[in-house]
Amino acid sequence: MRIRGQIGDWPVDLTIELEPEEWAQLRRQVELPEPAQAAVAAAVAAPRPDDGQWTAARDVLRLAGQLSGPQLLDRLEGLAGSTAAAKRLLVRLRHSSEVKVESGVDAPVYHWVG
């Protein structure tokens, strides 16, 4: 996992490497609500064309209601399979009329408005 950004004027570029057992432990600690789990599982289960990924990305935010930018990017990376594809989905969500983006303390917050 790579985290990039800024804290004040200081640039941050942090890489976190975890073993498969550590990822499993994290997954157990961060349980999604049932509808969100179903949406993520359905999105990851089968390869989808670009429009399928878009629909799944919208569903992730819709079911969550609101997510911070880093949380949403993390979920989209799992959905899209790469950071680049996840960022494209994030930009698309940012410009969607169904999404409202507010400035949070540390990161933007994405709200589903439908």
Protein backbone atom coordinates (compact mmCIF):
# COMPACT_ATOMS: atom_id res chain seq x y z
CA MET A 1 0.00 0.00 0.00
CA ARG A 2 1.37 3.42 -0.87
CA ILE A 3 0.28 6.64 0.76
CA ARG A 4 1.22 9.92 -0.89
CA GLY A 5 0.28 13.44 0.00
CA GLN A 6 1.32 16.31 2.20
CA ILE A 7 1.26 17.22 5.85
CA GLY A 8 1.45 20.98 5.83
CA ASP A 9 4.45 21.84 3.66
CA TRP A 10 6.06 18.40 4.07
CA PRO A 11 5.62 15.86 1.30
CA VAL A 12 4.69 12.34 2.42
CA ASP A 13 5.48 9.19 0.46
CA LEU A 14 4.94 6.11 2.62
CA THR A 15 4.97 2.49 1.53
CA ILE A 16 3.48 -0.16 3.80
CA GLU A 17 4.16 -3.80 3.06
CA LEU A 18 2.16 -6.51 4.82
CA GLU A 19 2.31 -10.29 4.69
CA PRO A 20 -0.86 -12.15 3.60
CA GLU A 21 -1.60 -13.08 7.23
CA GLU A 22 -1.42 -9.42 8.24
CA TRP A 23 -3.85 -8.44 5.45
CA ALA A 24 -6.23 -11.17 6.67
CA GLN A 25 -6.01 -9.80 10.20
CA LEU A 26 -6.81 -6.29 8.96
CA ARG A 27 -9.79 -7.58 6.99
CA ARG A 28 -11.17 -9.23 10.12
CA GLN A 29 -10.86 -5.96 12.04
CA VAL A 30 -12.47 -3.81 9.34
CA GLU A 31 -15.78 -5.45 8.60
CA LEU A 32 -18.02 -3.76 6.05
CA PRO A 33 -21.79 -3.64 6.53
CA GLU A 34 -23.53 -6.53 4.76
CA PRO A 35 -24.81 -4.52 1.75
CA ALA A 36 -21.35 -3.04 1.16
CA GLN A 37 -19.73 -6.49 1.45
CA ALA A 38 -22.15 -7.82 -1.15
CA ALA A 39 -21.43 -4.94 -3.53
CA VAL A 40 -17.66 -5.32 -3.18
CA ALA A 41 -17.85 -9.11 -3.53
CA ALA A 42 -20.02 -8.83 -6.63
CA ALA A 43 -17.70 -6.23 -8.13
CA VAL A 44 -14.57 -8.30 -7.49
CA ALA A 45 -16.07 -11.70 -8.35
CA ALA A 46 -16.04 -11.33 -12.13
CA PRO A 47 -14.02 -9.15 -14.47
CA ARG A 48 -16.15 -6.27 -15.67
CA PRO A 49 -15.81 -3.91 -18.58
CA ASP A 50 -15.18 -0.24 -17.77
CA ASP A 51 -18.91 0.55 -17.43
CA GLY A 52 -19.30 -2.36 -15.02
CA GLN A 53 -16.51 -0.97 -12.88
CA TRP A 54 -18.19 2.44 -12.96
CA THR A 55 -21.47 0.93 -11.78
CA ALA A 56 -19.68 -0.98 -9.01
CA ALA A 57 -17.73 2.14 -7.94
CA ARG A 58 -20.99 4.08 -7.66
CA ASP A 59 -22.49 1.23 -5.63
CA VAL A 60 -19.56 1.24 -3.19
CA LEU A 61 -20.10 4.92 -2.41
CA ARG A 62 -23.90 4.67 -2.52
CA LEU A 63 -23.93 1.84 0.03
CA ALA A 64 -21.41 3.54 2.29
CA GLY A 65 -23.16 6.92 2.09
CA GLN A 66 -19.91 8.80 2.54
CA LEU A 67 -16.20 7.97 2.50
CA SER A 68 -13.00 9.95 2.78
CA GLY A 69 -10.88 10.17 -0.36
CA PRO A 70 -8.22 7.69 0.89
CA GLN A 71 -10.86 5.18 2.04
CA LEU A 72 -12.67 5.40 -1.27
CA LEU A 73 -9.45 5.12 -3.27
CA ASP A 74 -8.48 2.02 -1.27
CA ARG A 75 -11.83 0.34 -2.01
CA LEU A 76 -11.65 1.34 -5.67
CA GLU A 77 -8.14 -0.13 -5.96
CA GLY A 78 -9.52 -3.46 -4.80
CA LEU A 79 -12.37 -3.13 -7.25
CA ALA A 80 -10.38 -1.95 -10.28
CA GLY A 81 -7.21 -3.97 -9.66
CA SER A 82 -4.78 -1.07 -10.01
CA THR A 83 -4.09 2.35 -8.57
CA ALA A 84 -4.32 4.02 -11.98
CA ALA A 85 -7.75 2.55 -12.73
CA ALA A 86 -8.94 3.42 -9.22
CA LYS A 87 -7.84 7.04 -9.67
CA ARG A 88 -9.76 7.25 -12.95
CA LEU A 89 -12.89 6.02 -11.16
CA LEU A 90 -12.28 8.50 -8.33
CA VAL A 91 -12.04 11.42 -10.77
CA ARG A 92 -15.19 10.21 -12.51
CA LEU A 93 -17.00 10.07 -9.14
CA ARG A 94 -15.72 13.55 -8.23
CA HIS A 95 -17.36 14.97 -11.36
CA SER A 96 -20.58 12.96 -11.12
CA SER A 97 -23.82 14.80 -10.37
CA GLU A 98 -24.67 11.98 -7.94
CA VAL A 99 -21.66 12.78 -5.72
CA LYS A 100 -20.91 15.78 -3.55
CA VAL A 101 -17.28 16.33 -2.51
CA GLU A 102 -16.50 18.36 0.60
CA SER A 103 -13.13 19.42 1.95
CA GLY A 104 -12.38 17.42 5.06
CA VAL A 105 -9.75 18.17 7.69
CA ASP A 106 -7.16 15.82 6.16
CA ALA A 107 -8.77 14.69 2.91
CA PRO A 108 -11.83 15.28 0.73
CA VAL A 109 -15.03 13.52 1.80
CA TYR A 110 -17.22 11.97 -0.92
CA HIS A 111 -20.99 11.95 -0.22
CA TRP A 112 -23.57 10.03 -2.23
CA VAL A 113 -26.48 12.34 -3.07
CA GLY A 114 -28.09 10.18 -5.74
